[in-house]
Amino acid sequence: MNKTGLVEAIALKANVSKAEAAKVLDAAIEAVVDGLKKEGKVELVGFASLKVAERAARTGINPLTKQAITIPAKKVVKFKAGSKLAF
């Protein structure tokens, strides 16, 4: 499912227009991103936990030249599925 399909499913289940569903989805995504930036974690009980983690710098290999390169440290988001995602 892509974003369009998700918007359609939300509109159908919530009995709202697709435009309203798209606004709600965009607002929810923005709220999650803001929560990760401010607090470093977002917990949606039963659905998922998202947490910002530091990935250390490491050495990699350029596949074209086979030369060693340094991959810089960066922040990533770790996703842990909740109980409602168990099939």
PDB file of N, CA and C in Angstrom:
ATOM      1  N   MET A   1       0.853  -1.182   0.000  1.00  0.00           N
ATOM      2  CA  MET A   1       0.000   0.000   0.000  1.00  0.00           C
ATOM      3  C   MET A   1       0.895   1.240   0.000  1.00  0.00           C
ATOM      4  N   ASN A   2       0.550   2.198  -0.818  1.00  0.00           N
ATOM      5  CA  ASN A   2       1.278   3.463  -0.829  1.00  0.00           C
ATOM      6  C   ASN A   2       0.445   4.533  -0.109  1.00  0.00           C
ATOM      7  N   LYS A   3       0.925   5.772  -0.131  1.00  0.00           N
ATOM      8  CA  LYS A   3       0.234   6.840   0.593  1.00  0.00           C
ATOM      9  C   LYS A   3      -1.178   7.069   0.061  1.00  0.00           C
ATOM     10  N   THR A   4      -1.338   7.012  -1.253  1.00  0.00           N
ATOM     11  CA  THR A   4      -2.669   7.208  -1.844  1.00  0.00           C
ATOM     12  C   THR A   4      -3.642   6.145  -1.351  1.00  0.00           C
ATOM     13  N   GLY A   5      -3.199   4.907  -1.318  1.00  0.00           N
ATOM     14  CA  GLY A   5      -4.048   3.825  -0.832  1.00  0.00           C
ATOM     15  C   GLY A   5      -4.380   3.987   0.636  1.00  0.00           C
ATOM     16  N   LEU A   6      -3.403   4.442   1.408  1.00  0.00           N
ATOM     17  CA  LEU A   6      -3.641   4.669   2.835  1.00  0.00           C
ATOM     18  C   LEU A   6      -4.642   5.792   3.052  1.00  0.00           C
ATOM     19  N   VAL A   7      -4.522   6.862   2.284  1.00  0.00           N
ATOM     20  CA  VAL A   7      -5.486   7.972   2.380  1.00  0.00           C
ATOM     21  C   VAL A   7      -6.885   7.485   2.041  1.00  0.00           C
ATOM     22  N   GLU A   8      -7.008   6.683   0.997  1.00  0.00           N
ATOM     23  CA  GLU A   8      -8.326   6.149   0.620  1.00  0.00           C
ATOM     24  C   GLU A   8      -8.898   5.263   1.720  1.00  0.00           C
ATOM     25  N   ALA A   9      -8.059   4.421   2.332  1.00  0.00           N
ATOM     26  CA  ALA A   9      -8.524   3.542   3.410  1.00  0.00           C
ATOM     27  C   ALA A   9      -8.952   4.347   4.629  1.00  0.00           C
ATOM     28  N   ILE A  10      -8.198   5.379   4.972  1.00  0.00           N
ATOM     29  CA  ILE A  10      -8.565   6.233   6.109  1.00  0.00           C
ATOM     30  C   ILE A  10      -9.884   6.937   5.824  1.00  0.00           C
ATOM     31  N   ALA A  11     -10.046   7.480   4.610  1.00  0.00           N
ATOM     32  CA  ALA A  11     -11.281   8.178   4.245  1.00  0.00           C
ATOM     33  C   ALA A  11     -12.478   7.248   4.343  1.00  0.00           C
ATOM     34  N   LEU A  12     -12.324   6.014   3.885  1.00  0.00           N
ATOM     35  CA  LEU A  12     -13.418   5.054   3.917  1.00  0.00           C
ATOM     36  C   LEU A  12     -13.768   4.658   5.357  1.00  0.00           C
ATOM     37  N   LYS A  13     -12.760   4.340   6.159  1.00  0.00           N
ATOM     38  CA  LYS A  13     -13.016   3.880   7.533  1.00  0.00           C
ATOM     39  C   LYS A  13     -13.516   4.994   8.447  1.00  0.00           C
ATOM     40  N   ALA A  14     -13.031   6.227   8.228  1.00  0.00           N
ATOM     41  CA  ALA A  14     -13.430   7.348   9.076  1.00  0.00           C
ATOM     42  C   ALA A  14     -14.627   8.106   8.518  1.00  0.00           C
ATOM     43  N   ASN A  15     -15.098   7.693   7.333  1.00  0.00           N
ATOM     44  CA  ASN A  15     -16.242   8.340   6.686  1.00  0.00           C
ATOM     45  C   ASN A  15     -16.012   9.843   6.512  1.00  0.00           C
ATOM     46  N   VAL A  16     -14.821  10.176   5.953  1.00  0.00           N
ATOM     47  CA  VAL A  16     -14.470  11.563   5.653  1.00  0.00           C
ATOM     48  C   VAL A  16     -13.993  11.622   4.200  1.00  0.00           C
ATOM     49  N   SER A  17     -13.812  12.833   3.695  1.00  0.00           N
ATOM     50  CA  SER A  17     -13.327  12.971   2.313  1.00  0.00           C
ATOM     51  C   SER A  17     -11.849  12.599   2.231  1.00  0.00           C
ATOM     52  N   LYS A  18     -11.413  12.318   1.018  1.00  0.00           N
ATOM     53  CA  LYS A  18      -9.996  11.990   0.812  1.00  0.00           C
ATOM     54  C   LYS A  18      -9.109  13.180   1.160  1.00  0.00           C
ATOM     55  N   ALA A  19      -9.570  14.389   0.882  1.00  0.00           N
ATOM     56  CA  ALA A  19      -8.801  15.595   1.202  1.00  0.00           C
ATOM     57  C   ALA A  19      -8.600  15.721   2.708  1.00  0.00           C
ATOM     58  N   GLU A  20      -9.669  15.479   3.474  1.00  0.00           N
ATOM     59  CA  GLU A  20      -9.555  15.538   4.933  1.00  0.00           C
ATOM     60  C   GLU A  20      -8.647  14.435   5.456  1.00  0.00           C
ATOM     61  N   ALA A  21      -8.771  13.239   4.902  1.00  0.00           N
ATOM     62  CA  ALA A  21      -7.929  12.118   5.317  1.00  0.00           C
ATOM     63  C   ALA A  21      -6.463  12.405   5.019  1.00  0.00           C
ATOM     64  N   ALA A  22      -6.193  13.028   3.875  1.00  0.00           N
ATOM     65  CA  ALA A  22      -4.814  13.379   3.520  1.00  0.00           C
ATOM     66  C   ALA A  22      -4.245  14.399   4.492  1.00  0.00           C
ATOM     67  N   LYS A  23      -5.059  15.377   4.880  1.00  0.00           N
ATOM     68  CA  LYS A  23      -4.618  16.382   5.859  1.00  0.00           C
ATOM     69  C   LYS A  23      -4.288  15.726   7.191  1.00  0.00           C
ATOM     70  N   VAL A  24      -5.145  14.820   7.630  1.00  0.00           N
ATOM     71  CA  VAL A  24      -4.934  14.141   8.904  1.00  0.00           C
ATOM     72  C   VAL A  24      -3.667  13.283   8.852  1.00  0.00           C
ATOM     73  N   LEU A  25      -3.475  12.553   7.766  1.00  0.00           N
ATOM     74  CA  LEU A  25      -2.284  11.716   7.624  1.00  0.00           C
ATOM     75  C   LEU A  25      -1.028  12.576   7.611  1.00  0.00           C
ATOM     76  N   ASP A  26      -1.032  13.670   6.865  1.00  0.00           N
ATOM     77  CA  ASP A  26       0.128  14.566   6.820  1.00  0.00           C
ATOM     78  C   ASP A  26       0.416  15.160   8.199  1.00  0.00           C
ATOM     79  N   ALA A  27      -0.640  15.532   8.930  1.00  0.00           N
ATOM     80  CA  ALA A  27      -0.466  16.084  10.267  1.00  0.00           C
ATOM     81  C   ALA A  27       0.103  15.032  11.219  1.00  0.00           C
ATOM     82  N   ALA A  28      -0.351  13.791  11.098  1.00  0.00           N
ATOM     83  CA  ALA A  28       0.154  12.714  11.954  1.00  0.00           C
ATOM     84  C   ALA A  28       1.632  12.446  11.679  1.00  0.00           C
ATOM     85  N   ILE A  29       2.000  12.414  10.411  1.00  0.00           N
ATOM     86  CA  ILE A  29       3.405  12.191  10.055  1.00  0.00           C
ATOM     87  C   ILE A  29       4.264  13.334  10.580  1.00  0.00           C
ATOM     88  N   GLU A  30       3.788  14.559  10.422  1.00  0.00           N
ATOM     89  CA  GLU A  30       4.525  15.723  10.912  1.00  0.00           C
ATOM     90  C   GLU A  30       4.675  15.676  12.435  1.00  0.00           C
ATOM     91  N   ALA A  31       3.641  15.252  13.136  1.00  0.00           N
ATOM     92  CA  ALA A  31       3.708  15.147  14.597  1.00  0.00           C
ATOM     93  C   ALA A  31       4.717  14.092  15.030  1.00  0.00           C
ATOM     94  N   VAL A  32       4.775  12.974  14.315  1.00  0.00           N
ATOM     95  CA  VAL A  32       5.751  11.918  14.633  1.00  0.00           C
ATOM     96  C   VAL A  32       7.166  12.438  14.419  1.00  0.00           C
ATOM     97  N   VAL A  33       7.398  13.120  13.307  1.00  0.00           N
ATOM     98  CA  VAL A  33       8.731  13.665  13.018  1.00  0.00           C
ATOM     99  C   VAL A  33       9.120  14.687  14.077  1.00  0.00           C
ATOM    100  N   ASP A  34       8.200  15.569  14.452  1.00  0.00           N
ATOM    101  CA  ASP A  34       8.478  16.559  15.494  1.00  0.00           C
ATOM    102  C   ASP A  34       8.794  15.889  16.829  1.00  0.00           C
ATOM    103  N   GLY A  35       8.042  14.848  17.166  1.00  0.00           N
ATOM    104  CA  GLY A  35       8.292  14.117  18.408  1.00  0.00           C
ATOM    105  C   GLY A  35       9.666  13.466  18.419  1.00  0.00           C
ATOM    106  N   LEU A  36      10.073  12.914  17.291  1.00  0.00           N
ATOM    107  CA  LEU A  36      11.404  12.303  17.198  1.00  0.00           C
ATOM    108  C   LEU A  36      12.496  13.357  17.323  1.00  0.00           C
ATOM    109  N   LYS A  37      12.282  14.523  16.730  1.00  0.00           N
ATOM    110  CA  LYS A  37      13.275  15.597  16.813  1.00  0.00           C
ATOM    111  C   LYS A  37      13.391  16.153  18.222  1.00  0.00           C
ATOM    112  N   LYS A  38      12.250  16.341  18.911  1.00  0.00           N
ATOM    113  CA  LYS A  38      12.249  16.961  20.236  1.00  0.00           C
ATOM    114  C   LYS A  38      12.594  15.987  21.351  1.00  0.00           C
ATOM    115  N   GLU A  39      11.984  14.808  21.347  1.00  0.00           N
ATOM    116  CA  GLU A  39      12.128  13.874  22.463  1.00  0.00           C
ATOM    117  C   GLU A  39      12.974  12.654  22.136  1.00  0.00           C
ATOM    118  N   GLY A  40      13.210  12.380  20.864  1.00  0.00           N
ATOM    119  CA  GLY A  40      14.027  11.246  20.479  1.00  0.00           C
ATOM    120  C   GLY A  40      13.288   9.926  20.437  1.00  0.00           C
ATOM    121  N   LYS A  41      11.985   9.947  20.758  1.00  0.00           N
ATOM    122  CA  LYS A  41      11.204   8.713  20.681  1.00  0.00           C
ATOM    123  C   LYS A  41       9.726   9.035  20.542  1.00  0.00           C
ATOM    124  N   VAL A  42       9.012   8.100  19.939  1.00  0.00           N
ATOM    125  CA  VAL A  42       7.554   8.179  19.818  1.00  0.00           C
ATOM    126  C   VAL A  42       7.031   6.772  20.055  1.00  0.00           C
ATOM    127  N   GLU A  43       6.094   6.632  20.984  1.00  0.00           N
ATOM    128  CA  GLU A  43       5.504   5.329  21.284  1.00  0.00           C
ATOM    129  C   GLU A  43       4.025   5.356  20.946  1.00  0.00           C
ATOM    130  N   LEU A  44       3.627   4.497  20.038  1.00  0.00           N
ATOM    131  CA  LEU A  44       2.225   4.324  19.679  1.00  0.00           C
ATOM    132  C   LEU A  44       1.833   2.958  20.219  1.00  0.00           C
ATOM    133  N   VAL A  45       1.315   2.941  21.426  1.00  0.00           N
ATOM    134  CA  VAL A  45       1.056   1.704  22.153  1.00  0.00           C
ATOM    135  C   VAL A  45       0.238   0.730  21.308  1.00  0.00           C
ATOM    136  N   GLY A  46       0.755  -0.479  21.201  1.00  0.00           N
ATOM    137  CA  GLY A  46       0.108  -1.517  20.424  1.00  0.00           C
ATOM    138  C   GLY A  46       0.525  -1.535  18.967  1.00  0.00           C
ATOM    139  N   PHE A  47       0.968  -0.378  18.447  1.00  0.00           N
ATOM    140  CA  PHE A  47       1.345  -0.306  17.035  1.00  0.00           C
ATOM    141  C   PHE A  47       2.859  -0.369  16.855  1.00  0.00           C
ATOM    142  N   ALA A  48       3.586   0.603  17.434  1.00  0.00           N
ATOM    143  CA  ALA A  48       5.032   0.631  17.224  1.00  0.00           C
ATOM    144  C   ALA A  48       5.701   1.614  18.164  1.00  0.00           C
ATOM    145  N   SER A  49       7.008   1.438  18.304  1.00  0.00           N
ATOM    146  CA  SER A  49       7.861   2.395  18.990  1.00  0.00           C
ATOM    147  C   SER A  49       8.929   2.830  18.011  1.00  0.00           C
ATOM    148  N   LEU A  50       9.144   4.125  17.936  1.00  0.00           N
ATOM    149  CA  LEU A  50      10.189   4.677  17.080  1.00  0.00           C
ATOM    150  C   LEU A  50      11.179   5.403  17.982  1.00  0.00           C
ATOM    151  N   LYS A  51      12.475   5.205  17.740  1.00  0.00           N
ATOM    152  CA  LYS A  51      13.492   5.774  18.600  1.00  0.00           C
ATOM    153  C   LYS A  51      14.668   6.234  17.749  1.00  0.00           C
ATOM    154  N   VAL A  52      15.199   7.429  18.045  1.00  0.00           N
ATOM    155  CA  VAL A  52      16.368   7.943  17.344  1.00  0.00           C
ATOM    156  C   VAL A  52      17.604   7.303  17.973  1.00  0.00           C
ATOM    157  N   ALA A  53      18.487   6.793  17.131  1.00  0.00           N
ATOM    158  CA  ALA A  53      19.719   6.161  17.606  1.00  0.00           C
ATOM    159  C   ALA A  53      20.901   6.701  16.810  1.00  0.00           C
ATOM    160  N   GLU A  54      22.074   6.707  17.430  1.00  0.00           N
ATOM    161  CA  GLU A  54      23.303   7.122  16.763  1.00  0.00           C
ATOM    162  C   GLU A  54      23.917   5.923  16.063  1.00  0.00           C
ATOM    163  N   ARG A  55      24.274   6.084  14.820  1.00  0.00           N
ATOM    164  CA  ARG A  55      25.010   5.051  14.094  1.00  0.00           C
ATOM    165  C   ARG A  55      26.452   5.545  14.009  1.00  0.00           C
ATOM    166  N   ALA A  56      27.387   4.769  14.507  1.00  0.00           N
ATOM    167  CA  ALA A  56      28.789   5.158  14.540  1.00  0.00           C
ATOM    168  C   ALA A  56      29.386   5.208  13.135  1.00  0.00           C
ATOM    169  N   ALA A  57      30.461   5.985  12.997  1.00  0.00           N
ATOM    170  CA  ALA A  57      31.187   6.015  11.733  1.00  0.00           C
ATOM    171  C   ALA A  57      31.786   4.631  11.488  1.00  0.00           C
ATOM    172  N   ARG A  58      31.905   4.267  10.215  1.00  0.00           N
ATOM    173  CA  ARG A  58      32.444   2.947   9.903  1.00  0.00           C
ATOM    174  C   ARG A  58      33.137   2.982   8.552  1.00  0.00           C
ATOM    175  N   THR A  59      33.867   1.940   8.259  1.00  0.00           N
ATOM    176  CA  THR A  59      34.568   1.831   6.989  1.00  0.00           C
ATOM    177  C   THR A  59      33.739   0.985   6.040  1.00  0.00           C
ATOM    178  N   GLY A  60      33.619   1.455   4.809  1.00  0.00           N
ATOM    179  CA  GLY A  60      32.897   0.722   3.775  1.00  0.00           C
ATOM    180  C   GLY A  60      33.766   0.591   2.539  1.00  0.00           C
ATOM    181  N   ILE A  61      33.219   0.006   1.503  1.00  0.00           N
ATOM    182  CA  ILE A  61      33.951  -0.168   0.255  1.00  0.00           C
ATOM    183  C   ILE A  61      33.127   0.401  -0.890  1.00  0.00           C
ATOM    184  N   ASN A  62      33.756   1.242  -1.703  1.00  0.00           N
ATOM    185  CA  ASN A  62      33.113   1.778  -2.894  1.00  0.00           C
ATOM    186  C   ASN A  62      33.008   0.634  -3.906  1.00  0.00           C
ATOM    187  N   PRO A  63      31.793   0.235  -4.300  1.00  0.00           N
ATOM    188  CA  PRO A  63      31.656  -0.922  -5.196  1.00  0.00           C
ATOM    189  C   PRO A  63      32.244  -0.713  -6.594  1.00  0.00           C
ATOM    190  N   LEU A  64      32.377   0.530  -7.018  1.00  0.00           N
ATOM    191  CA  LEU A  64      32.934   0.789  -8.350  1.00  0.00           C
ATOM    192  C   LEU A  64      34.458   0.694  -8.370  1.00  0.00           C
ATOM    193  N   THR A  65      35.080   1.307  -7.350  1.00  0.00           N
ATOM    194  CA  THR A  65      36.546   1.373  -7.342  1.00  0.00           C
ATOM    195  C   THR A  65      37.191   0.358  -6.413  1.00  0.00           C
ATOM    196  N   LYS A  66      36.408  -0.272  -5.568  1.00  0.00           N
ATOM    197  CA  LYS A  66      36.893  -1.219  -4.552  1.00  0.00           C
ATOM    198  C   LYS A  66      37.807  -0.545  -3.524  1.00  0.00           C
ATOM    199  N   GLN A  67      37.735   0.770  -3.434  1.00  0.00           N
ATOM    200  CA  GLN A  67      38.526   1.524  -2.471  1.00  0.00           C
ATOM    201  C   GLN A  67      37.774   1.610  -1.147  1.00  0.00           C
ATOM    202  N   ALA A  68      38.535   1.600  -0.040  1.00  0.00           N
ATOM    203  CA  ALA A  68      37.941   1.773   1.284  1.00  0.00           C
ATOM    204  C   ALA A  68      37.518   3.233   1.443  1.00  0.00           C
ATOM    205  N   ILE A  69      36.331   3.433   2.003  1.00  0.00           N
ATOM    206  CA  ILE A  69      35.834   4.774   2.271  1.00  0.00           C
ATOM    207  C   ILE A  69      35.339   4.831   3.703  1.00  0.00           C
ATOM    208  N   THR A  70      35.308   6.030   4.252  1.00  0.00           N
ATOM    209  CA  THR A  70      34.778   6.218   5.601  1.00  0.00           C
ATOM    210  C   THR A  70      33.344   6.706   5.490  1.00  0.00           C
ATOM    211  N   ILE A  71      32.437   5.993   6.122  1.00  0.00           N
ATOM    212  CA  ILE A  71      31.028   6.376   6.160  1.00  0.00           C
ATOM    213  C   ILE A  71      30.834   7.134   7.466  1.00  0.00           C
ATOM    214  N   PRO A  72      30.414   8.401   7.413  1.00  0.00           N
ATOM    215  CA  PRO A  72      30.326   9.206   8.635  1.00  0.00           C
ATOM    216  C   PRO A  72      29.209   8.741   9.580  1.00  0.00           C
ATOM    217  N   ALA A  73      29.346   9.124  10.833  1.00  0.00           N
ATOM    218  CA  ALA A  73      28.315   8.833  11.833  1.00  0.00           C
ATOM    219  C   ALA A  73      27.047   9.600  11.473  1.00  0.00           C
ATOM    220  N   LYS A  74      25.897   9.042  11.841  1.00  0.00           N
ATOM    221  CA  LYS A  74      24.638   9.735  11.592  1.00  0.00           C
ATOM    222  C   LYS A  74      23.563   9.209  12.537  1.00  0.00           C
ATOM    223  N   LYS A  75      22.462   9.937  12.582  1.00  0.00           N
ATOM    224  CA  LYS A  75      21.318   9.523  13.379  1.00  0.00           C
ATOM    225  C   LYS A  75      20.341   8.770  12.485  1.00  0.00           C
ATOM    226  N   VAL A  76      19.776   7.684  13.023  1.00  0.00           N
ATOM    227  CA  VAL A  76      18.791   6.885  12.299  1.00  0.00           C
ATOM    228  C   VAL A  76      17.595   6.636  13.212  1.00  0.00           C
ATOM    229  N   VAL A  77      16.476   6.247  12.628  1.00  0.00           N
ATOM    230  CA  VAL A  77      15.288   5.916  13.409  1.00  0.00           C
ATOM    231  C   VAL A  77      15.149   4.401  13.450  1.00  0.00           C
ATOM    232  N   LYS A  78      15.023   3.867  14.669  1.00  0.00           N
ATOM    233  CA  LYS A  78      14.806   2.430  14.840  1.00  0.00           C
ATOM    234  C   LYS A  78      13.319   2.202  15.096  1.00  0.00           C
ATOM    235  N   PHE A  79      12.788   1.176  14.461  1.00  0.00           N
ATOM    236  CA  PHE A  79      11.361   0.849  14.522  1.00  0.00           C
ATOM    237  C   PHE A  79      11.207  -0.490  15.228  1.00  0.00           C
ATOM    238  N   LYS A  80      10.337  -0.523  16.234  1.00  0.00           N
ATOM    239  CA  LYS A  80      10.034  -1.784  16.915  1.00  0.00           C
ATOM    240  C   LYS A  80       8.520  -1.986  16.831  1.00  0.00           C
ATOM    241  N   ALA A  81       8.113  -3.084  16.227  1.00  0.00           N
ATOM    242  CA  ALA A  81       6.691  -3.362  16.029  1.00  0.00           C
ATOM    243  C   ALA A  81       5.993  -3.649  17.353  1.00  0.00           C
ATOM    244  N   GLY A  82       4.748  -3.214  17.436  1.00  0.00           N
ATOM    245  CA  GLY A  82       3.925  -3.463  18.611  1.00  0.00           C
ATOM    246  C   GLY A  82       3.085  -4.724  18.446  1.00  0.00           C
ATOM    247  N   SER A  83       2.303  -5.026  19.453  1.00  0.00           N
ATOM    248  CA  SER A  83       1.511  -6.269  19.470  1.00  0.00           C
ATOM    249  C   SER A  83       0.451  -6.326  18.371  1.00  0.00           C
ATOM    250  N   LYS A  84      -0.074  -5.184  17.922  1.00  0.00           N
ATOM    251  CA  LYS A  84      -1.105  -5.193  16.879  1.00  0.00           C
ATOM    252  C   LYS A  84      -0.530  -5.495  15.494  1.00  0.00           C
ATOM    253  N   LEU A  85       0.794  -5.485  15.366  1.00  0.00           N
ATOM    254  CA  LEU A  85       1.417  -5.805  14.083  1.00  0.00           C
ATOM    255  C   LEU A  85       1.811  -7.264  13.972  1.00  0.00           C
ATOM    256  N   ALA A  86       1.525  -8.057  14.990  1.00  0.00           N
ATOM    257  CA  ALA A  86       1.817  -9.503  14.931  1.00  0.00           C
ATOM    258  C   ALA A  86       0.704 -10.191  14.139  1.00  0.00           C
ATOM    259  N   PHE A  87       1.093 -10.966  13.154  1.00  0.00           N
ATOM    260  CA  PHE A  87       0.093 -11.622  12.309  1.00  0.00           C
ATOM    261  C   PHE A  87      -0.010 -13.085  12.631  1.00  0.00           C
TER     262      PHE A  87
END
